[in-house]
Amino acid sequence: MASLTKVMSAGLLISMIGCRPPTELPPELGHRYRVYVDQTGSTPSKQKASWPGIFRKDFFPRLGPGDRLEIYAIHDRTSEAPALLIEELPSLSLDAGITAQLGYQRALAALRTKAERVFEDVLDSDAKVASTSVLGLIDSYKPDSRHRPTRIVLFSDMLESSDTCVNLERTAVHSGNLEQLAGELLACHDWEPNVLQGVEIYCIVRAYFAGDAAPKSSRRHLEAFWSLIFSRLGAELKAFDTHLAIAGPPR
């Protein structure tokens, strides 16, 4: 009976893979998450103070078997920066036994401890950062070697200021110029049209509190600008808010 169950489970997994497009893998095979944490001074410390809680309570529960987690810093040389953490959770088969499940839970707990420490170390860094290179993540992007779907999660105000073509700390984005600014930016770079093909992007952006200076660009216009940039490169901007909202139940 146990052998029959294993055969049926294996057959189910094969049928799941066979019935889906080649680029869409069954959820058991996991996702790759690339998390970027802004070290620059354009985001105030009181905003950054909320990010570890969002990472711990809203992001980490999204991880599941077979997932890969990478953490990077955003600064003026983002494209050159190595990953501060790269870890993979073990996969679990459809009929995983108690030993495999316990092993997975131990790996998950160890990753949580390590990832939270790395995330907070990025924010606590006393590095002198001259400007913000959000676009550096595009320059350094490579597809996952195991063809897992990629989700990029950005903790940043998204005010690009390192690029020679567009400086969002100095230039206001509005409905009358966002198409032009996006076109100029894309023309300045030699990115492949689908360099981010299939990637989902989630941005946890700055909140403005009473007494803060008014932003140069509204959140709505910044979201429209980045959505245009990412869509032209094959990605989809799924969220642009002060909290994290990834569709679907935690894994």
C-alpha atoms as a PDB file:
ATOM      1  CA  MET A   1       0.000   0.000   0.000  1.00  0.00           C
ATOM      2  CA  ALA A   2       2.860   2.385   0.889  1.00  0.00           C
ATOM      3  CA  SER A   3       4.556   1.647  -2.443  1.00  0.00           C
ATOM      4  CA  LEU A   4       1.319   2.363  -4.282  1.00  0.00           C
ATOM      5  CA  THR A   5       1.003   5.694  -2.466  1.00  0.00           C
ATOM      6  CA  LYS A   6       4.542   6.656  -3.489  1.00  0.00           C
ATOM      7  CA  VAL A   7       3.891   5.747  -7.101  1.00  0.00           C
ATOM      8  CA  MET A   8       0.677   7.773  -7.127  1.00  0.00           C
ATOM      9  CA  SER A   9       2.453  10.766  -5.505  1.00  0.00           C
ATOM     10  CA  ALA A  10       5.277  10.616  -8.032  1.00  0.00           C
ATOM     11  CA  GLY A  11       2.758  10.374 -10.847  1.00  0.00           C
ATOM     12  CA  LEU A  12       0.923  13.435  -9.495  1.00  0.00           C
ATOM     13  CA  LEU A  13       4.129  15.494  -9.428  1.00  0.00           C
ATOM     14  CA  ILE A  14       5.004  14.448 -12.984  1.00  0.00           C
ATOM     15  CA  SER A  15       1.526  15.343 -14.196  1.00  0.00           C
ATOM     16  CA  MET A  16       1.753  18.755 -12.476  1.00  0.00           C
ATOM     17  CA  ILE A  17       4.973  19.531 -14.318  1.00  0.00           C
ATOM     18  CA  GLY A  18       3.684  18.134 -17.608  1.00  0.00           C
ATOM     19  CA  CYS A  19       0.465  20.174 -17.581  1.00  0.00           C
ATOM     20  CA  ARG A  20       2.118  23.538 -16.947  1.00  0.00           C
ATOM     21  CA  PRO A  21       4.044  25.810 -19.324  1.00  0.00           C
ATOM     22  CA  PRO A  22       7.838  25.215 -19.153  1.00  0.00           C
ATOM     23  CA  THR A  23       8.410  28.512 -17.303  1.00  0.00           C
ATOM     24  CA  GLU A  24       5.835  27.770 -14.615  1.00  0.00           C
ATOM     25  CA  LEU A  25       7.015  25.284 -12.003  1.00  0.00           C
ATOM     26  CA  PRO A  26       4.919  23.571  -9.364  1.00  0.00           C
ATOM     27  CA  PRO A  27       5.012  25.372  -6.009  1.00  0.00           C
ATOM     28  CA  GLU A  28       6.830  22.436  -4.408  1.00  0.00           C
ATOM     29  CA  LEU A  29       9.941  23.476  -6.349  1.00  0.00           C
ATOM     30  CA  GLY A  30      10.042  26.866  -4.627  1.00  0.00           C
ATOM     31  CA  HIS A  31      10.805  30.477  -5.484  1.00  0.00           C
ATOM     32  CA  ARG A  32      13.919  32.587  -5.477  1.00  0.00           C
ATOM     33  CA  TYR A  33      13.651  35.739  -3.361  1.00  0.00           C
ATOM     34  CA  ARG A  34      16.127  38.593  -3.825  1.00  0.00           C
ATOM     35  CA  VAL A  35      15.714  41.065  -0.956  1.00  0.00           C
ATOM     36  CA  TYR A  36      17.307  44.517  -1.252  1.00  0.00           C
ATOM     37  CA  VAL A  37      17.715  46.790   1.783  1.00  0.00           C
ATOM     38  CA  ASP A  38      18.395  50.509   1.300  1.00  0.00           C
ATOM     39  CA  GLN A  39      21.399  51.801   3.275  1.00  0.00           C
ATOM     40  CA  THR A  40      21.211  55.356   1.961  1.00  0.00           C
ATOM     41  CA  GLY A  41      20.318  58.453   3.923  1.00  0.00           C
ATOM     42  CA  SER A  42      17.349  59.482   1.773  1.00  0.00           C
ATOM     43  CA  THR A  43      15.124  57.172   3.822  1.00  0.00           C
ATOM     44  CA  PRO A  44      14.845  58.444   7.421  1.00  0.00           C
ATOM     45  CA  SER A  45      15.824  56.245  10.342  1.00  0.00           C
ATOM     46  CA  LYS A  46      12.298  56.173  11.773  1.00  0.00           C
ATOM     47  CA  GLN A  47      11.115  54.583   8.527  1.00  0.00           C
ATOM     48  CA  LYS A  48      13.933  52.061   8.501  1.00  0.00           C
ATOM     49  CA  ALA A  49      13.103  51.148  12.086  1.00  0.00           C
ATOM     50  CA  SER A  50       9.867  49.560  10.854  1.00  0.00           C
ATOM     51  CA  TRP A  51      11.539  47.380   8.227  1.00  0.00           C
ATOM     52  CA  PRO A  52      12.891  44.551  10.451  1.00  0.00           C
ATOM     53  CA  GLY A  53       9.371  43.948  11.759  1.00  0.00           C
ATOM     54  CA  ILE A  54       7.981  43.799   8.223  1.00  0.00           C
ATOM     55  CA  PHE A  55      10.766  41.416   7.209  1.00  0.00           C
ATOM     56  CA  ARG A  56      10.173  39.195  10.235  1.00  0.00           C
ATOM     57  CA  LYS A  57       6.357  39.161  10.349  1.00  0.00           C
ATOM     58  CA  ASP A  58       5.264  39.717   6.749  1.00  0.00           C
ATOM     59  CA  PHE A  59       8.110  38.481   4.566  1.00  0.00           C
ATOM     60  CA  PHE A  60       9.677  35.498   6.293  1.00  0.00           C
ATOM     61  CA  PRO A  61       6.433  33.479   6.603  1.00  0.00           C
ATOM     62  CA  ARG A  62       6.271  33.537   2.767  1.00  0.00           C
ATOM     63  CA  LEU A  63       9.274  31.218   2.547  1.00  0.00           C
ATOM     64  CA  GLY A  64       8.676  27.547   1.943  1.00  0.00           C
ATOM     65  CA  PRO A  65      10.359  24.300   0.846  1.00  0.00           C
ATOM     66  CA  GLY A  66      12.775  24.703  -2.041  1.00  0.00           C
ATOM     67  CA  ASP A  67      12.983  28.489  -1.715  1.00  0.00           C
ATOM     68  CA  ARG A  68      16.230  30.409  -2.114  1.00  0.00           C
ATOM     69  CA  LEU A  69      16.808  33.622  -0.153  1.00  0.00           C
ATOM     70  CA  GLU A  70      19.357  36.258  -1.168  1.00  0.00           C
ATOM     71  CA  ILE A  71      19.901  39.552   0.673  1.00  0.00           C
ATOM     72  CA  TYR A  72      21.690  42.579  -0.814  1.00  0.00           C
ATOM     73  CA  ALA A  73      22.321  46.172   0.219  1.00  0.00           C
ATOM     74  CA  ILE A  74      21.251  49.156  -1.874  1.00  0.00           C
ATOM     75  CA  HIS A  75      23.867  51.905  -1.983  1.00  0.00           C
ATOM     76  CA  ASP A  76      25.811  53.813  -4.623  1.00  0.00           C
ATOM     77  CA  ARG A  77      27.441  50.631  -6.010  1.00  0.00           C
ATOM     78  CA  THR A  78      24.552  48.180  -5.872  1.00  0.00           C
ATOM     79  CA  SER A  79      25.472  46.474  -9.144  1.00  0.00           C
ATOM     80  CA  GLU A  80      28.916  45.534  -7.791  1.00  0.00           C
ATOM     81  CA  ALA A  81      27.831  44.471  -4.307  1.00  0.00           C
ATOM     82  CA  PRO A  82      27.993  40.762  -3.459  1.00  0.00           C
ATOM     83  CA  ALA A  83      25.098  39.057  -1.748  1.00  0.00           C
ATOM     84  CA  LEU A  84      25.231  39.357   2.030  1.00  0.00           C
ATOM     85  CA  LEU A  85      23.319  36.106   2.382  1.00  0.00           C
ATOM     86  CA  ILE A  86      22.502  33.243   0.041  1.00  0.00           C
ATOM     87  CA  GLU A  87      20.682  30.284   1.557  1.00  0.00           C
ATOM     88  CA  GLU A  88      18.389  27.574   0.215  1.00  0.00           C
ATOM     89  CA  LEU A  89      15.702  25.713   2.095  1.00  0.00           C
ATOM     90  CA  PRO A  90      15.489  21.977   1.451  1.00  0.00           C
ATOM     91  CA  SER A  91      12.730  20.725  -0.802  1.00  0.00           C
ATOM     92  CA  LEU A  92      10.035  18.416   0.521  1.00  0.00           C
ATOM     93  CA  SER A  93       8.480  15.715  -1.611  1.00  0.00           C
ATOM     94  CA  LEU A  94       4.733  15.258  -1.631  1.00  0.00           C
ATOM     95  CA  ASP A  95       5.080  12.246   0.678  1.00  0.00           C
ATOM     96  CA  ALA A  96       7.887  13.523   2.912  1.00  0.00           C
ATOM     97  CA  GLY A  97       8.188  11.630   6.177  1.00  0.00           C
ATOM     98  CA  ILE A  98       8.502  13.039   9.669  1.00  0.00           C
ATOM     99  CA  THR A  99      12.319  12.995   9.548  1.00  0.00           C
ATOM    100  CA  ALA A 100      12.402  15.149   6.419  1.00  0.00           C
ATOM    101  CA  GLN A 101       9.774  17.497   7.818  1.00  0.00           C
ATOM    102  CA  LEU A 102      11.682  17.966  11.076  1.00  0.00           C
ATOM    103  CA  GLY A 103      14.870  18.577   9.109  1.00  0.00           C
ATOM    104  CA  TYR A 104      13.094  21.226   7.093  1.00  0.00           C
ATOM    105  CA  GLN A 105      11.798  22.946  10.238  1.00  0.00           C
ATOM    106  CA  ARG A 106      15.315  23.044  11.705  1.00  0.00           C
ATOM    107  CA  ALA A 107      16.678  24.531   8.481  1.00  0.00           C
ATOM    108  CA  LEU A 108      13.888  27.121   8.453  1.00  0.00           C
ATOM    109  CA  ALA A 109      14.579  28.164  12.060  1.00  0.00           C
ATOM    110  CA  ALA A 110      18.313  28.459  11.383  1.00  0.00           C
ATOM    111  CA  LEU A 111      17.670  30.549   8.284  1.00  0.00           C
ATOM    112  CA  ARG A 112      15.303  32.846  10.179  1.00  0.00           C
ATOM    113  CA  THR A 113      17.972  33.582  12.809  1.00  0.00           C
ATOM    114  CA  LYS A 114      20.685  34.197  10.211  1.00  0.00           C
ATOM    115  CA  ALA A 115      18.507  36.261   7.854  1.00  0.00           C
ATOM    116  CA  GLU A 116      17.159  38.556  10.581  1.00  0.00           C
ATOM    117  CA  ARG A 117      20.712  39.223  11.781  1.00  0.00           C
ATOM    118  CA  VAL A 118      21.947  40.028   8.255  1.00  0.00           C
ATOM    119  CA  PHE A 119      18.948  42.274   7.569  1.00  0.00           C
ATOM    120  CA  GLU A 120      19.519  44.300  10.740  1.00  0.00           C
ATOM    121  CA  ASP A 121      23.280  44.463  10.109  1.00  0.00           C
ATOM    122  CA  VAL A 122      22.586  46.148   6.758  1.00  0.00           C
ATOM    123  CA  LEU A 123      20.498  48.812   8.465  1.00  0.00           C
ATOM    124  CA  ASP A 124      23.016  49.259  11.296  1.00  0.00           C
ATOM    125  CA  SER A 125      25.945  49.731   8.932  1.00  0.00           C
ATOM    126  CA  ASP A 126      27.841  52.989   9.327  1.00  0.00           C
ATOM    127  CA  ALA A 127      28.917  52.940   5.675  1.00  0.00           C
ATOM    128  CA  LYS A 128      29.049  56.388   4.070  1.00  0.00           C
ATOM    129  CA  VAL A 129      26.720  56.158   1.101  1.00  0.00           C
ATOM    130  CA  ALA A 130      26.807  59.038  -1.370  1.00  0.00           C
ATOM    131  CA  SER A 131      23.778  58.154  -3.498  1.00  0.00           C
ATOM    132  CA  THR A 132      21.099  55.540  -4.220  1.00  0.00           C
ATOM    133  CA  SER A 133      21.495  53.020  -7.050  1.00  0.00           C
ATOM    134  CA  VAL A 134      18.223  51.130  -7.355  1.00  0.00           C
ATOM    135  CA  LEU A 135      18.984  50.452 -11.020  1.00  0.00           C
ATOM    136  CA  GLY A 136      22.080  48.486 -10.022  1.00  0.00           C
ATOM    137  CA  LEU A 137      19.856  45.505  -9.286  1.00  0.00           C
ATOM    138  CA  ILE A 138      18.995  45.339 -12.988  1.00  0.00           C
ATOM    139  CA  ASP A 139      22.660  45.424 -14.033  1.00  0.00           C
ATOM    140  CA  SER A 140      23.527  42.511 -11.732  1.00  0.00           C
ATOM    141  CA  TYR A 141      20.431  40.389 -12.335  1.00  0.00           C
ATOM    142  CA  LYS A 142      20.742  36.813 -13.597  1.00  0.00           C
ATOM    143  CA  PRO A 143      17.942  34.234 -13.892  1.00  0.00           C
ATOM    144  CA  ASP A 144      17.771  31.453 -11.329  1.00  0.00           C
ATOM    145  CA  SER A 145      19.882  28.465 -12.353  1.00  0.00           C
ATOM    146  CA  ARG A 146      17.063  26.100 -11.314  1.00  0.00           C
ATOM    147  CA  HIS A 147      14.422  28.090 -13.215  1.00  0.00           C
ATOM    148  CA  ARG A 148      12.441  28.946 -10.095  1.00  0.00           C
ATOM    149  CA  PRO A 149      10.194  32.008 -10.334  1.00  0.00           C
ATOM    150  CA  THR A 150      11.970  35.084  -8.953  1.00  0.00           C
ATOM    151  CA  ARG A 151      10.497  37.659  -6.618  1.00  0.00           C
ATOM    152  CA  ILE A 152      12.444  40.844  -5.853  1.00  0.00           C
ATOM    153  CA  VAL A 153      11.526  42.593  -2.598  1.00  0.00           C
ATOM    154  CA  LEU A 154      12.823  46.150  -2.183  1.00  0.00           C
ATOM    155  CA  PHE A 155      12.964  48.007   1.110  1.00  0.00           C
ATOM    156  CA  SER A 156      13.693  51.468  -0.300  1.00  0.00           C
ATOM    157  CA  ASP A 157      12.267  54.914  -1.000  1.00  0.00           C
ATOM    158  CA  MET A 158      12.995  54.123  -4.693  1.00  0.00           C
ATOM    159  CA  LEU A 159      14.608  57.535  -5.267  1.00  0.00           C
ATOM    160  CA  GLU A 160      17.309  56.639  -7.774  1.00  0.00           C
ATOM    161  CA  SER A 161      20.110  59.216  -7.546  1.00  0.00           C
ATOM    162  CA  SER A 162      23.254  57.447  -8.851  1.00  0.00           C
ATOM    163  CA  ASP A 163      22.212  57.234 -12.481  1.00  0.00           C
ATOM    164  CA  THR A 164      23.638  59.810 -14.890  1.00  0.00           C
ATOM    165  CA  CYS A 165      20.367  60.057 -16.832  1.00  0.00           C
ATOM    166  CA  VAL A 166      17.693  60.359 -14.145  1.00  0.00           C
ATOM    167  CA  ASN A 167      17.964  61.642 -10.569  1.00  0.00           C
ATOM    168  CA  LEU A 168      14.683  61.154  -8.735  1.00  0.00           C
ATOM    169  CA  GLU A 169      15.878  63.045  -5.667  1.00  0.00           C
ATOM    170  CA  ARG A 170      16.123  66.199  -7.797  1.00  0.00           C
ATOM    171  CA  THR A 171      13.509  65.612 -10.494  1.00  0.00           C
ATOM    172  CA  ALA A 172       9.791  65.536  -9.741  1.00  0.00           C
ATOM    173  CA  VAL A 173       7.908  62.769 -11.520  1.00  0.00           C
ATOM    174  CA  HIS A 174       4.388  63.665 -12.591  1.00  0.00           C
ATOM    175  CA  SER A 175       1.832  62.549 -15.162  1.00  0.00           C
ATOM    176  CA  GLY A 176       3.211  64.995 -17.730  1.00  0.00           C
ATOM    177  CA  ASN A 177       6.808  63.732 -17.754  1.00  0.00           C
ATOM    178  CA  LEU A 178       6.946  60.144 -16.481  1.00  0.00           C
ATOM    179  CA  GLU A 179       6.768  58.606 -19.967  1.00  0.00           C
ATOM    180  CA  GLN A 180       9.582  60.887 -21.130  1.00  0.00           C
ATOM    181  CA  LEU A 181      11.744  60.194 -18.061  1.00  0.00           C
ATOM    182  CA  ALA A 182      11.259  56.448 -18.385  1.00  0.00           C
ATOM    183  CA  GLY A 183      12.084  56.566 -22.098  1.00  0.00           C
ATOM    184  CA  GLU A 184      15.247  58.604 -21.494  1.00  0.00           C
ATOM    185  CA  LEU A 185      16.373  56.235 -18.772  1.00  0.00           C
ATOM    186  CA  LEU A 186      15.856  53.122 -20.879  1.00  0.00           C
ATOM    187  CA  ALA A 187      17.640  54.759 -23.823  1.00  0.00           C
ATOM    188  CA  CYS A 188      20.682  55.402 -21.616  1.00  0.00           C
ATOM    189  CA  HIS A 189      21.187  51.736 -20.845  1.00  0.00           C
ATOM    190  CA  ASP A 190      21.819  48.677 -22.990  1.00  0.00           C
ATOM    191  CA  TRP A 191      19.599  46.322 -21.006  1.00  0.00           C
ATOM    192  CA  GLU A 192      18.081  43.440 -22.926  1.00  0.00           C
ATOM    193  CA  PRO A 193      14.315  44.056 -23.405  1.00  0.00           C
ATOM    194  CA  ASN A 194      13.415  41.002 -21.290  1.00  0.00           C
ATOM    195  CA  VAL A 195      16.280  41.015 -18.811  1.00  0.00           C
ATOM    196  CA  LEU A 196      13.762  40.705 -15.945  1.00  0.00           C
ATOM    197  CA  GLN A 197      11.359  38.391 -17.767  1.00  0.00           C
ATOM    198  CA  GLY A 198       8.776  36.898 -15.412  1.00  0.00           C
ATOM    199  CA  VAL A 199      10.093  38.600 -12.276  1.00  0.00           C
ATOM    200  CA  GLU A 200       7.623  39.884  -9.679  1.00  0.00           C
ATOM    201  CA  ILE A 201       8.707  43.041  -7.829  1.00  0.00           C
ATOM    202  CA  TYR A 202       7.424  44.227  -4.444  1.00  0.00           C
ATOM    203  CA  CYS A 203       8.461  47.625  -3.047  1.00  0.00           C
ATOM    204  CA  ILE A 204       8.158  48.640   0.603  1.00  0.00           C
ATOM    205  CA  VAL A 205       8.512  52.408   0.245  1.00  0.00           C
ATOM    206  CA  ARG A 206       8.796  55.378   2.554  1.00  0.00           C
ATOM    207  CA  ALA A 207       5.833  56.611   4.573  1.00  0.00           C
ATOM    208  CA  TYR A 208       5.509  60.331   5.229  1.00  0.00           C
ATOM    209  CA  PHE A 209       4.606  61.470   8.726  1.00  0.00           C
ATOM    210  CA  ALA A 210       3.303  64.724  10.153  1.00  0.00           C
ATOM    211  CA  GLY A 211       6.068  67.297  10.041  1.00  0.00           C
ATOM    212  CA  ASP A 212       7.978  65.663   7.178  1.00  0.00           C
ATOM    213  CA  ALA A 213       8.819  67.787   4.161  1.00  0.00           C
ATOM    214  CA  ALA A 214       6.468  67.160   1.245  1.00  0.00           C
ATOM    215  CA  PRO A 215       7.878  64.635  -1.239  1.00  0.00           C
ATOM    216  CA  LYS A 216       9.062  65.907  -4.613  1.00  0.00           C
ATOM    217  CA  SER A 217       7.075  63.120  -6.327  1.00  0.00           C
ATOM    218  CA  SER A 218       3.875  61.489  -5.125  1.00  0.00           C
ATOM    219  CA  ARG A 219       3.865  57.778  -4.396  1.00  0.00           C
ATOM    220  CA  ARG A 220       1.345  57.288  -7.201  1.00  0.00           C
ATOM    221  CA  HIS A 221       3.615  58.892  -9.782  1.00  0.00           C
ATOM    222  CA  LEU A 222       6.729  57.075  -8.540  1.00  0.00           C
ATOM    223  CA  GLU A 223       4.830  53.802  -8.756  1.00  0.00           C
ATOM    224  CA  ALA A 224       3.746  54.583 -12.325  1.00  0.00           C
ATOM    225  CA  PHE A 225       7.346  55.433 -13.290  1.00  0.00           C
ATOM    226  CA  TRP A 226       8.834  52.242 -11.866  1.00  0.00           C
ATOM    227  CA  SER A 227       6.002  50.120 -13.197  1.00  0.00           C
ATOM    228  CA  LEU A 228       6.786  51.421 -16.672  1.00  0.00           C
ATOM    229  CA  ILE A 229      10.522  50.730 -16.304  1.00  0.00           C
ATOM    230  CA  PHE A 230      10.073  47.213 -14.962  1.00  0.00           C
ATOM    231  CA  SER A 231       7.355  46.247 -17.455  1.00  0.00           C
ATOM    232  CA  ARG A 232       9.560  47.324 -20.379  1.00  0.00           C
ATOM    233  CA  LEU A 233      12.164  44.871 -19.051  1.00  0.00           C
ATOM    234  CA  GLY A 234       9.725  41.976 -18.700  1.00  0.00           C
ATOM    235  CA  ALA A 235       8.916  42.243 -14.975  1.00  0.00           C
ATOM    236  CA  GLU A 236       5.728  43.142 -13.135  1.00  0.00           C
ATOM    237  CA  LEU A 237       5.554  45.615 -10.272  1.00  0.00           C
ATOM    238  CA  LYS A 238       3.111  43.847  -7.961  1.00  0.00           C
ATOM    239  CA  ALA A 239       3.132  46.205  -4.957  1.00  0.00           C
ATOM    240  CA  PHE A 240       4.373  49.694  -4.108  1.00  0.00           C
ATOM    241  CA  ASP A 241       3.354  50.498  -0.558  1.00  0.00           C
ATOM    242  CA  THR A 242       4.564  51.095   2.990  1.00  0.00           C
ATOM    243  CA  HIS A 243       3.803  47.476   3.904  1.00  0.00           C
ATOM    244  CA  LEU A 244       4.386  44.139   2.220  1.00  0.00           C
ATOM    245  CA  ALA A 245       1.516  42.452   0.410  1.00  0.00           C
ATOM    246  CA  ILE A 246       2.301  39.261  -1.517  1.00  0.00           C
ATOM    247  CA  ALA A 247      -0.787  37.543  -2.902  1.00  0.00           C
ATOM    248  CA  GLY A 248      -1.696  34.088  -1.683  1.00  0.00           C
ATOM    249  CA  PRO A 249      -1.433  32.372   1.701  1.00  0.00           C
ATOM    250  CA  PRO A 250       1.962  31.934   3.412  1.00  0.00           C
ATOM    251  CA  ARG A 251       3.585  28.630   2.469  1.00  0.00           C
END
